[in-house]
């Protein structure tokens, strides 16, 4: 059972990494100040539905990862 939970934890961690990398940046810092003006000038369209889905998926995977990490730590300490 511990091995199954560890494999599931690795899957969740890879999922969190993949979903975070798929998200758009928030255009913070100096590069955001430079490119942000051009986006407003030319009217860049954002895929709002996809951003919202990826944000919710990230939250779900992160919560699952945190709970699984606590469960795995509990079972490893018991054995």
PDB file of N, CA and C in Angstrom:
ATOM      1  N   UNK A   1       0.817  -1.189   0.000  1.00  0.00           N
ATOM      2  CA  UNK A   1       0.000   0.000   0.000  1.00  0.00           C
ATOM      3  C   UNK A   1       0.870   1.265   0.000  1.00  0.00           C
ATOM      4  N   UNK A   2       1.977   1.206   0.738  1.00  0.00           N
ATOM      5  CA  UNK A   2       2.869   2.362   0.792  1.00  0.00           C
ATOM      6  C   UNK A   2       3.477   2.623  -0.584  1.00  0.00           C
ATOM      7  N   UNK A   3       3.811   1.570  -1.300  1.00  0.00           N
ATOM      8  CA  UNK A   3       4.395   1.729  -2.636  1.00  0.00           C
ATOM      9  C   UNK A   3       3.366   2.373  -3.575  1.00  0.00           C
ATOM     10  N   UNK A   4       2.117   1.938  -3.489  1.00  0.00           N
ATOM     11  CA  UNK A   4       1.057   2.529  -4.316  1.00  0.00           C
ATOM     12  C   UNK A   4       0.894   4.011  -4.012  1.00  0.00           C
ATOM     13  N   UNK A   5       0.911   4.377  -2.748  1.00  0.00           N
ATOM     14  CA  UNK A   5       0.772   5.775  -2.360  1.00  0.00           C
ATOM     15  C   UNK A   5       1.961   6.608  -2.833  1.00  0.00           C
ATOM     16  N   UNK A   6       3.154   6.022  -2.785  1.00  0.00           N
ATOM     17  CA  UNK A   6       4.339   6.752  -3.264  1.00  0.00           C
ATOM     18  C   UNK A   6       4.276   6.969  -4.770  1.00  0.00           C
ATOM     19  N   UNK A   7       3.827   5.972  -5.503  1.00  0.00           N
ATOM     20  CA  UNK A   7       3.681   6.115  -6.955  1.00  0.00           C
ATOM     21  C   UNK A   7       2.627   7.177  -7.267  1.00  0.00           C
ATOM     22  N   UNK A   8       1.526   7.162  -6.524  1.00  0.00           N
ATOM     23  CA  UNK A   8       0.481   8.167  -6.702  1.00  0.00           C
ATOM     24  C   UNK A   8       1.003   9.562  -6.374  1.00  0.00           C
ATOM     25  N   UNK A   9       1.851   9.665  -5.372  1.00  0.00           N
ATOM     26  CA  UNK A   9       2.450  10.945  -5.007  1.00  0.00           C
ATOM     27  C   UNK A   9       3.352  11.476  -6.125  1.00  0.00           C
ATOM     28  N   UNK A  10       4.118  10.597  -6.751  1.00  0.00           N
ATOM     29  CA  UNK A  10       4.972  10.997  -7.870  1.00  0.00           C
ATOM     30  C   UNK A  10       4.117  11.459  -9.052  1.00  0.00           C
ATOM     31  N   UNK A  11       3.017  10.760  -9.313  1.00  0.00           N
ATOM     32  CA  UNK A  11       2.123  11.152 -10.403  1.00  0.00           C
ATOM     33  C   UNK A  11       1.528  12.530 -10.138  1.00  0.00           C
ATOM     34  N   UNK A  12       1.101  12.776  -8.895  1.00  0.00           N
ATOM     35  CA  UNK A  12       0.549  14.084  -8.545  1.00  0.00           C
ATOM     36  C   UNK A  12       1.610  15.173  -8.670  1.00  0.00           C
ATOM     37  N   UNK A  13       2.830  14.871  -8.252  1.00  0.00           N
ATOM     38  CA  UNK A  13       3.881  15.893  -8.342  1.00  0.00           C
ATOM     39  C   UNK A  13       4.200  16.226  -9.793  1.00  0.00           C
ATOM     40  N   UNK A  14       4.262  15.241 -10.665  1.00  0.00           N
ATOM     41  CA  UNK A  14       4.494  15.500 -12.078  1.00  0.00           C
ATOM     42  C   UNK A  14       3.325  16.266 -12.699  1.00  0.00           C
ATOM     43  N   UNK A  15       2.120  15.963 -12.233  1.00  0.00           N
ATOM     44  CA  UNK A  15       0.945  16.692 -12.705  1.00  0.00           C
ATOM     45  C   UNK A  15       0.983  18.158 -12.315  1.00  0.00           C
ATOM     46  N   UNK A  16       1.377  18.434 -11.070  1.00  0.00           N
ATOM     47  CA  UNK A  16       1.475  19.819 -10.613  1.00  0.00           C
ATOM     48  C   UNK A  16       2.536  20.565 -11.433  1.00  0.00           C
ATOM     49  N   UNK A  17       3.666  19.932 -11.656  1.00  0.00           N
ATOM     50  CA  UNK A  17       4.730  20.568 -12.435  1.00  0.00           C
ATOM     51  C   UNK A  17       4.245  20.874 -13.848  1.00  0.00           C
ATOM     52  N   UNK A  18       3.592  19.910 -14.489  1.00  0.00           N
ATOM     53  CA  UNK A  18       3.130  20.095 -15.867  1.00  0.00           C
ATOM     54  C   UNK A  18       2.084  21.202 -15.965  1.00  0.00           C
ATOM     55  N   UNK A  19       1.136  21.222 -15.029  1.00  0.00           N
ATOM     56  CA  UNK A  19       0.066  22.218 -15.093  1.00  0.00           C
ATOM     57  C   UNK A  19       0.609  23.618 -14.815  1.00  0.00           C
ATOM     58  N   UNK A  20       1.542  23.730 -13.889  1.00  0.00           N
ATOM     59  CA  UNK A  20       2.129  25.046 -13.598  1.00  0.00           C
ATOM     60  C   UNK A  20       2.910  25.556 -14.808  1.00  0.00           C
ATOM     61  N   UNK A  21       3.619  24.673 -15.485  1.00  0.00           N
ATOM     62  CA  UNK A  21       4.373  25.099 -16.661  1.00  0.00           C
ATOM     63  C   UNK A  21       3.471  25.468 -17.840  1.00  0.00           C
ATOM     64  N   UNK A  22       2.267  24.925 -17.888  1.00  0.00           N
ATOM     65  CA  UNK A  22       1.336  25.244 -18.963  1.00  0.00           C
ATOM     66  C   UNK A  22       0.649  26.592 -18.773  1.00  0.00           C
ATOM     67  N   UNK A  23       0.653  27.109 -17.563  1.00  0.00           N
ATOM     68  CA  UNK A  23      -0.038  28.369 -17.298  1.00  0.00           C
ATOM     69  C   UNK A  23       0.731  29.551 -17.872  1.00  0.00           C
ATOM     70  N   UNK A  24      -0.017  30.612 -18.147  1.00  0.00           N
ATOM     71  CA  UNK A  24       0.590  31.848 -18.622  1.00  0.00           C
ATOM     72  C   UNK A  24       1.208  32.586 -17.462  1.00  0.00           C
ATOM     73  N   UNK A  25       2.251  33.347 -17.740  1.00  0.00           N
ATOM     74  CA  UNK A  25       2.845  34.200 -16.726  1.00  0.00           C
ATOM     75  C   UNK A  25       1.963  35.407 -16.465  1.00  0.00           C
ATOM     76  N   UNK A  26       2.154  36.038 -15.349  1.00  0.00           N
ATOM     77  CA  UNK A  26       1.359  37.209 -14.997  1.00  0.00           C
ATOM     78  C   UNK A  26       2.012  38.511 -15.451  1.00  0.00           C
ATOM     79  N   UNK A  27       3.060  38.440 -16.240  1.00  0.00           N
ATOM     80  CA  UNK A  27       3.767  39.609 -16.770  1.00  0.00           C
ATOM     81  C   UNK A  27       4.239  40.532 -15.661  1.00  0.00           C
ATOM     82  N   UNK A  28       4.928  39.961 -14.699  1.00  0.00           N
ATOM     83  CA  UNK A  28       5.431  40.753 -13.581  1.00  0.00           C
ATOM     84  C   UNK A  28       6.861  41.197 -13.870  1.00  0.00           C
ATOM     85  N   UNK A  29       7.268  42.250 -13.241  1.00  0.00           N
ATOM     86  CA  UNK A  29       8.629  42.720 -13.364  1.00  0.00           C
ATOM     87  C   UNK A  29       8.847  43.593 -14.581  1.00  0.00           C
ATOM     88  N   UNK A  30      10.102  43.783 -14.924  1.00  0.00           N
ATOM     89  CA  UNK A  30      10.471  44.675 -16.021  1.00  0.00           C
ATOM     90  C   UNK A  30      10.000  44.141 -17.374  1.00  0.00           C
ATOM     91  N   UNK A  31      10.088  42.837 -17.570  1.00  0.00           N
ATOM     92  CA  UNK A  31       9.648  42.290 -18.853  1.00  0.00           C
ATOM     93  C   UNK A  31       8.151  42.469 -19.032  1.00  0.00           C
ATOM     94  N   UNK A  32       7.393  42.422 -17.973  1.00  0.00           N
ATOM     95  CA  UNK A  32       5.956  42.658 -18.063  1.00  0.00           C
ATOM     96  C   UNK A  32       5.641  44.098 -18.373  1.00  0.00           C
ATOM     97  N   UNK A  33       6.445  45.004 -17.870  1.00  0.00           N
ATOM     98  CA  UNK A  33       6.225  46.422 -18.161  1.00  0.00           C
ATOM     99  C   UNK A  33       6.497  46.720 -19.628  1.00  0.00           C
ATOM    100  N   UNK A  34       7.481  46.039 -20.200  1.00  0.00           N
ATOM    101  CA  UNK A  34       7.823  46.277 -21.599  1.00  0.00           C
ATOM    102  C   UNK A  34       6.791  45.631 -22.521  1.00  0.00           C
ATOM    103  N   UNK A  35       6.487  44.358 -22.301  1.00  0.00           N
ATOM    104  CA  UNK A  35       5.565  43.664 -23.199  1.00  0.00           C
ATOM    105  C   UNK A  35       4.116  43.963 -22.878  1.00  0.00           C
ATOM    106  N   UNK A  36       3.818  44.349 -21.662  1.00  0.00           N
ATOM    107  CA  UNK A  36       2.433  44.630 -21.292  1.00  0.00           C
ATOM    108  C   UNK A  36       1.849  45.789 -22.061  1.00  0.00           C
ATOM    109  N   UNK A  37       2.642  46.817 -22.327  1.00  0.00           N
ATOM    110  CA  UNK A  37       2.163  47.950 -23.100  1.00  0.00           C
ATOM    111  C   UNK A  37       1.810  47.561 -24.516  1.00  0.00           C
ATOM    112  N   UNK A  38       2.610  46.711 -25.121  1.00  0.00           N
ATOM    113  CA  UNK A  38       2.340  46.272 -26.493  1.00  0.00           C
ATOM    114  C   UNK A  38       1.072  45.422 -26.547  1.00  0.00           C
ATOM    115  N   UNK A  39       0.845  44.618 -25.511  1.00  0.00           N
ATOM    116  CA  UNK A  39      -0.358  43.796 -25.490  1.00  0.00           C
ATOM    117  C   UNK A  39      -1.604  44.664 -25.391  1.00  0.00           C
ATOM    118  N   UNK A  40      -1.554  45.725 -24.606  1.00  0.00           N
ATOM    119  CA  UNK A  40      -2.706  46.606 -24.489  1.00  0.00           C
ATOM    120  C   UNK A  40      -2.910  47.409 -25.765  1.00  0.00           C
ATOM    121  N   UNK A  41      -1.831  47.782 -26.413  1.00  0.00           N
ATOM    122  CA  UNK A  41      -1.919  48.582 -27.625  1.00  0.00           C
ATOM    123  C   UNK A  41      -2.526  47.789 -28.769  1.00  0.00           C
ATOM    124  N   UNK A  42      -2.091  46.546 -28.939  1.00  0.00           N
ATOM    125  CA  UNK A  42      -2.554  45.737 -30.054  1.00  0.00           C
ATOM    126  C   UNK A  42      -3.740  44.843 -29.702  1.00  0.00           C
ATOM    127  N   UNK A  43      -4.174  44.856 -28.457  1.00  0.00           N
ATOM    128  CA  UNK A  43      -5.374  44.113 -28.070  1.00  0.00           C
ATOM    129  C   UNK A  43      -5.204  42.613 -28.073  1.00  0.00           C
ATOM    130  N   UNK A  44      -4.309  42.108 -27.254  1.00  0.00           N
ATOM    131  CA  UNK A  44      -4.088  40.666 -27.173  1.00  0.00           C
ATOM    132  C   UNK A  44      -5.298  39.992 -26.529  1.00  0.00           C
ATOM    133  N   UNK A  45      -5.772  38.932 -27.147  1.00  0.00           N
ATOM    134  CA  UNK A  45      -6.908  38.182 -26.607  1.00  0.00           C
ATOM    135  C   UNK A  45      -6.399  37.064 -25.705  1.00  0.00           C
ATOM    136  N   UNK A  46      -6.966  36.975 -24.521  1.00  0.00           N
ATOM    137  CA  UNK A  46      -6.565  35.916 -23.596  1.00  0.00           C
ATOM    138  C   UNK A  46      -7.566  34.770 -23.664  1.00  0.00           C
ATOM    139  N   UNK A  47      -7.055  33.588 -23.528  1.00  0.00           N
ATOM    140  CA  UNK A  47      -7.913  32.413 -23.451  1.00  0.00           C
ATOM    141  C   UNK A  47      -8.337  32.251 -21.994  1.00  0.00           C
ATOM    142  N   UNK A  48      -9.333  32.992 -21.587  1.00  0.00           N
ATOM    143  CA  UNK A  48      -9.734  33.049 -20.177  1.00  0.00           C
ATOM    144  C   UNK A  48     -10.246  31.711 -19.668  1.00  0.00           C
ATOM    145  N   UNK A  49     -10.970  30.966 -20.496  1.00  0.00           N
ATOM    146  CA  UNK A  49     -11.505  29.685 -20.061  1.00  0.00           C
ATOM    147  C   UNK A  49     -10.404  28.688 -19.740  1.00  0.00           C
ATOM    148  N   UNK A  50      -9.386  28.655 -20.574  1.00  0.00           N
ATOM    149  CA  UNK A  50      -8.274  27.736 -20.351  1.00  0.00           C
ATOM    150  C   UNK A  50      -7.477  28.139 -19.114  1.00  0.00           C
ATOM    151  N   UNK A  51      -7.268  29.432 -18.923  1.00  0.00           N
ATOM    152  CA  UNK A  51      -6.541  29.903 -17.741  1.00  0.00           C
ATOM    153  C   UNK A  51      -7.273  29.528 -16.458  1.00  0.00           C
ATOM    154  N   UNK A  52      -8.590  29.685 -16.472  1.00  0.00           N
ATOM    155  CA  UNK A  52      -9.387  29.352 -15.293  1.00  0.00           C
ATOM    156  C   UNK A  52      -9.345  27.852 -15.016  1.00  0.00           C
ATOM    157  N   UNK A  53      -9.434  27.044 -16.075  1.00  0.00           N
ATOM    158  CA  UNK A  53      -9.371  25.596 -15.911  1.00  0.00           C
ATOM    159  C   UNK A  53      -8.020  25.159 -15.351  1.00  0.00           C
ATOM    160  N   UNK A  54      -6.937  25.716 -15.893  1.00  0.00           N
ATOM    161  CA  UNK A  54      -5.603  25.352 -15.417  1.00  0.00           C
ATOM    162  C   UNK A  54      -5.383  25.803 -13.978  1.00  0.00           C
ATOM    163  N   UNK A  55      -5.956  26.949 -13.614  1.00  0.00           N
ATOM    164  CA  UNK A  55      -5.820  27.433 -12.243  1.00  0.00           C
ATOM    165  C   UNK A  55      -6.538  26.496 -11.273  1.00  0.00           C
ATOM    166  N   UNK A  56      -7.740  26.086 -11.625  1.00  0.00           N
ATOM    167  CA  UNK A  56      -8.488  25.170 -10.744  1.00  0.00           C
ATOM    168  C   UNK A  56      -7.838  23.796 -10.688  1.00  0.00           C
ATOM    169  N   UNK A  57      -7.313  23.328 -11.807  1.00  0.00           N
ATOM    170  CA  UNK A  57      -6.621  22.040 -11.836  1.00  0.00           C
ATOM    171  C   UNK A  57      -5.360  22.091 -10.980  1.00  0.00           C
ATOM    172  N   UNK A  58      -4.660  23.208 -11.007  1.00  0.00           N
ATOM    173  CA  UNK A  58      -3.470  23.380 -10.174  1.00  0.00           C
ATOM    174  C   UNK A  58      -3.824  23.312  -8.697  1.00  0.00           C
ATOM    175  N   UNK A  59      -4.900  23.970  -8.313  1.00  0.00           N
ATOM    176  CA  UNK A  59      -5.326  23.956  -6.911  1.00  0.00           C
ATOM    177  C   UNK A  59      -5.694  22.540  -6.486  1.00  0.00           C
ATOM    178  N   UNK A  60      -6.443  21.838  -7.326  1.00  0.00           N
ATOM    179  CA  UNK A  60      -6.840  20.466  -7.001  1.00  0.00           C
ATOM    180  C   UNK A  60      -5.649  19.526  -6.876  1.00  0.00           C
ATOM    181  N   UNK A  61      -4.724  19.626  -7.815  1.00  0.00           N
ATOM    182  CA  UNK A  61      -3.542  18.765  -7.767  1.00  0.00           C
ATOM    183  C   UNK A  61      -2.649  19.105  -6.574  1.00  0.00           C
ATOM    184  N   UNK A  62      -2.541  20.393  -6.245  1.00  0.00           N
ATOM    185  CA  UNK A  62      -1.704  20.795  -5.113  1.00  0.00           C
ATOM    186  C   UNK A  62      -2.296  20.297  -3.790  1.00  0.00           C
ATOM    187  N   UNK A  63      -3.617  20.398  -3.653  1.00  0.00           N
ATOM    188  CA  UNK A  63      -4.262  19.898  -2.431  1.00  0.00           C
ATOM    189  C   UNK A  63      -4.095  18.382  -2.337  1.00  0.00           C
ATOM    190  N   UNK A  64      -4.298  17.683  -3.454  1.00  0.00           N
ATOM    191  CA  UNK A  64      -4.108  16.237  -3.463  1.00  0.00           C
ATOM    192  C   UNK A  64      -2.677  15.842  -3.138  1.00  0.00           C
ATOM    193  N   UNK A  65      -1.712  16.584  -3.689  1.00  0.00           N
ATOM    194  CA  UNK A  65      -0.309  16.320  -3.406  1.00  0.00           C
ATOM    195  C   UNK A  65      -0.001  16.509  -1.922  1.00  0.00           C
ATOM    196  N   UNK A  66      -0.522  17.579  -1.334  1.00  0.00           N
ATOM    197  CA  UNK A  66      -0.263  17.863   0.078  1.00  0.00           C
ATOM    198  C   UNK A  66      -0.862  16.780   0.972  1.00  0.00           C
ATOM    199  N   UNK A  67      -2.087  16.381   0.689  1.00  0.00           N
ATOM    200  CA  UNK A  67      -2.739  15.334   1.499  1.00  0.00           C
ATOM    201  C   UNK A  67      -2.016  14.007   1.337  1.00  0.00           C
ATOM    202  N   UNK A  68      -1.643  13.657   0.105  1.00  0.00           N
ATOM    203  CA  UNK A  68      -0.905  12.410  -0.120  1.00  0.00           C
ATOM    204  C   UNK A  68       0.456  12.423   0.568  1.00  0.00           C
ATOM    205  N   UNK A  69       1.116  13.577   0.569  1.00  0.00           N
ATOM    206  CA  UNK A  69       2.413  13.671   1.237  1.00  0.00           C
ATOM    207  C   UNK A  69       2.264  13.424   2.737  1.00  0.00           C
ATOM    208  N   UNK A  70       1.208  13.964   3.331  1.00  0.00           N
ATOM    209  CA  UNK A  70       0.968  13.731   4.757  1.00  0.00           C
ATOM    210  C   UNK A  70       0.652  12.260   5.037  1.00  0.00           C
ATOM    211  N   UNK A  71      -0.145  11.638   4.181  1.00  0.00           N
ATOM    212  CA  UNK A  71      -0.500  10.222   4.364  1.00  0.00           C
ATOM    213  C   UNK A  71       0.733   9.340   4.212  1.00  0.00           C
ATOM    214  N   UNK A  72       1.545   9.589   3.200  1.00  0.00           N
ATOM    215  CA  UNK A  72       2.764   8.796   2.988  1.00  0.00           C
ATOM    216  C   UNK A  72       3.718   8.982   4.168  1.00  0.00           C
ATOM    217  N   UNK A  73       3.859  10.195   4.651  1.00  0.00           N
ATOM    218  CA  UNK A  73       4.741  10.442   5.801  1.00  0.00           C
ATOM    219  C   UNK A  73       4.245   9.705   7.035  1.00  0.00           C
ATOM    220  N   UNK A  74       2.943   9.655   7.228  1.00  0.00           N
ATOM    221  CA  UNK A  74       2.375   8.935   8.381  1.00  0.00           C
ATOM    222  C   UNK A  74       2.655   7.442   8.273  1.00  0.00           C
ATOM    223  N   UNK A  75       2.422   6.848   7.084  1.00  0.00           N
ATOM    224  CA  UNK A  75       2.630   5.416   6.920  1.00  0.00           C
ATOM    225  C   UNK A  75       4.104   5.038   6.972  1.00  0.00           C
ATOM    226  N   UNK A  76       4.984   5.877   6.479  1.00  0.00           N
ATOM    227  CA  UNK A  76       6.413   5.581   6.524  1.00  0.00           C
ATOM    228  C   UNK A  76       6.898   5.633   7.958  1.00  0.00           C
ATOM    229  N   UNK A  77       6.381   6.553   8.735  1.00  0.00           N
ATOM    230  CA  UNK A  77       6.772   6.664  10.138  1.00  0.00           C
ATOM    231  C   UNK A  77       6.277   5.459  10.940  1.00  0.00           C
ATOM    232  N   UNK A  78       5.126   4.913  10.593  1.00  0.00           N
ATOM    233  CA  UNK A  78       4.557   3.769  11.284  1.00  0.00           C
ATOM    234  C   UNK A  78       5.370   2.502  11.034  1.00  0.00           C
ATOM    235  N   UNK A  79       5.874   2.339   9.827  1.00  0.00           N
ATOM    236  CA  UNK A  79       6.578   1.098   9.447  1.00  0.00           C
ATOM    237  C   UNK A  79       7.970   1.114   9.892  1.00  0.00           C
TER     238      UNK A  79
END
